[in-house]
Amino acid sequence: MRALFELFSGGFMADIKVGGEVDAYCTRCKLVLAHTVLAIWASQIKRVRCNTCMGEHAFRAAVPGGPT
């Protein structure tokens, strides 16, 4: 989880590009899994595709309502 915090608090966001991979919460699989970045706006990941189910959705770094 620390890596997620560093990633989205400016730790190494410069390394993330469209087409790159990030761990994100999948709304279909209901798990944190590897995703491909589809869209970035204002240095924030906006849209991703799950590499497991191929579902496309807004980026969520962690389980909604879960611990941060």
C-alpha atoms as a PDB file:
ATOM      1  CA  MET A   1       0.000   0.000   0.000  1.00  0.00           C
ATOM      2  CA  ARG A   2       2.964   2.311   0.596  1.00  0.00           C
ATOM      3  CA  ALA A   3       3.831   2.130  -3.097  1.00  0.00           C
ATOM      4  CA  LEU A   4       0.311   3.311  -3.955  1.00  0.00           C
ATOM      5  CA  PHE A   5       0.689   6.223  -1.537  1.00  0.00           C
ATOM      6  CA  GLU A   6       4.046   7.222  -3.037  1.00  0.00           C
ATOM      7  CA  LEU A   7       2.676   6.849  -6.549  1.00  0.00           C
ATOM      8  CA  PHE A   8      -0.243   9.202  -6.038  1.00  0.00           C
ATOM      9  CA  SER A   9       1.424  11.631  -3.658  1.00  0.00           C
ATOM     10  CA  GLY A  10       4.012  12.580  -6.258  1.00  0.00           C
ATOM     11  CA  GLY A  11       6.559   9.877  -5.432  1.00  0.00           C
ATOM     12  CA  PHE A  12       7.061   8.509  -8.954  1.00  0.00           C
ATOM     13  CA  MET A  13       4.012   9.628 -10.965  1.00  0.00           C
ATOM     14  CA  ALA A  14       6.353  10.832 -13.724  1.00  0.00           C
ATOM     15  CA  ASP A  15       7.044   7.164 -14.549  1.00  0.00           C
ATOM     16  CA  ILE A  16       3.364   6.438 -15.275  1.00  0.00           C
ATOM     17  CA  LYS A  17       2.273   6.897 -18.890  1.00  0.00           C
ATOM     18  CA  VAL A  18      -0.709   5.965 -21.043  1.00  0.00           C
ATOM     19  CA  GLY A  19      -0.181   2.307 -21.891  1.00  0.00           C
ATOM     20  CA  GLY A  20       1.731   1.685 -18.660  1.00  0.00           C
ATOM     21  CA  GLU A  21       0.623  -0.626 -15.865  1.00  0.00           C
ATOM     22  CA  VAL A  22      -0.626   0.247 -12.375  1.00  0.00           C
ATOM     23  CA  ASP A  23      -2.351  -1.649  -9.590  1.00  0.00           C
ATOM     24  CA  ALA A  24      -5.943  -0.469  -9.232  1.00  0.00           C
ATOM     25  CA  TYR A  25      -9.268  -1.628  -7.830  1.00  0.00           C
ATOM     26  CA  CYS A  26     -11.341  -3.372 -10.509  1.00  0.00           C
ATOM     27  CA  THR A  27     -15.047  -2.643 -10.214  1.00  0.00           C
ATOM     28  CA  ARG A  28     -15.932  -5.895 -12.003  1.00  0.00           C
ATOM     29  CA  CYS A  29     -13.454  -8.306 -10.347  1.00  0.00           C
ATOM     30  CA  LYS A  30     -13.793  -6.557  -6.939  1.00  0.00           C
ATOM     31  CA  LEU A  31     -10.025  -6.909  -6.372  1.00  0.00           C
ATOM     32  CA  VAL A  32      -6.900  -4.775  -6.650  1.00  0.00           C
ATOM     33  CA  LEU A  33      -5.269  -6.054  -9.851  1.00  0.00           C
ATOM     34  CA  ALA A  34      -2.911  -4.948 -12.631  1.00  0.00           C
ATOM     35  CA  HIS A  35      -4.477  -2.422 -15.022  1.00  0.00           C
ATOM     36  CA  THR A  36      -3.341  -0.644 -18.183  1.00  0.00           C
ATOM     37  CA  VAL A  37      -3.558   3.161 -18.065  1.00  0.00           C
ATOM     38  CA  LEU A  38      -5.913   4.482 -20.764  1.00  0.00           C
ATOM     39  CA  ALA A  39      -6.129   8.195 -19.876  1.00  0.00           C
ATOM     40  CA  ILE A  40      -4.195  10.734 -17.814  1.00  0.00           C
ATOM     41  CA  TRP A  41      -5.398  14.283 -17.199  1.00  0.00           C
ATOM     42  CA  ALA A  42      -3.579  16.948 -15.165  1.00  0.00           C
ATOM     43  CA  SER A  43      -0.968  14.384 -14.023  1.00  0.00           C
ATOM     44  CA  GLN A  44      -3.648  12.071 -12.607  1.00  0.00           C
ATOM     45  CA  ILE A  45      -4.713   8.661 -13.883  1.00  0.00           C
ATOM     46  CA  LYS A  46      -8.350   8.938 -14.955  1.00  0.00           C
ATOM     47  CA  ARG A  47      -9.228   5.738 -16.856  1.00  0.00           C
ATOM     48  CA  VAL A  48      -7.843   2.187 -16.790  1.00  0.00           C
ATOM     49  CA  ARG A  49      -8.475  -1.272 -18.296  1.00  0.00           C
ATOM     50  CA  CYS A  50      -8.262  -4.377 -16.102  1.00  0.00           C
ATOM     51  CA  ASN A  51      -5.699  -6.835 -17.467  1.00  0.00           C
ATOM     52  CA  THR A  52      -7.750  -9.749 -16.055  1.00  0.00           C
ATOM     53  CA  CYS A  53     -11.339  -9.079 -17.201  1.00  0.00           C
ATOM     54  CA  MET A  54     -10.563  -6.335 -19.780  1.00  0.00           C
ATOM     55  CA  GLY A  55     -13.193  -4.079 -18.193  1.00  0.00           C
ATOM     56  CA  GLU A  56     -12.673  -0.317 -18.589  1.00  0.00           C
ATOM     57  CA  HIS A  57     -13.500   2.035 -15.727  1.00  0.00           C
ATOM     58  CA  ALA A  58     -12.431   5.127 -13.816  1.00  0.00           C
ATOM     59  CA  PHE A  59      -9.207   4.696 -11.856  1.00  0.00           C
ATOM     60  CA  ARG A  60      -9.548   3.698  -8.194  1.00  0.00           C
ATOM     61  CA  ALA A  61      -6.302   3.177  -6.259  1.00  0.00           C
ATOM     62  CA  ALA A  62      -7.871   1.124  -3.472  1.00  0.00           C
ATOM     63  CA  VAL A  63     -11.020  -0.684  -2.406  1.00  0.00           C
ATOM     64  CA  PRO A  64     -13.844   1.868  -1.978  1.00  0.00           C
ATOM     65  CA  GLY A  65     -14.613   2.288   1.713  1.00  0.00           C
ATOM     66  CA  GLY A  66     -11.605   0.155   2.651  1.00  0.00           C
ATOM     67  CA  PRO A  67      -8.540   1.094   4.667  1.00  0.00           C
ATOM     68  CA  THR A  68      -6.212   3.623   3.066  1.00  0.00           C
END
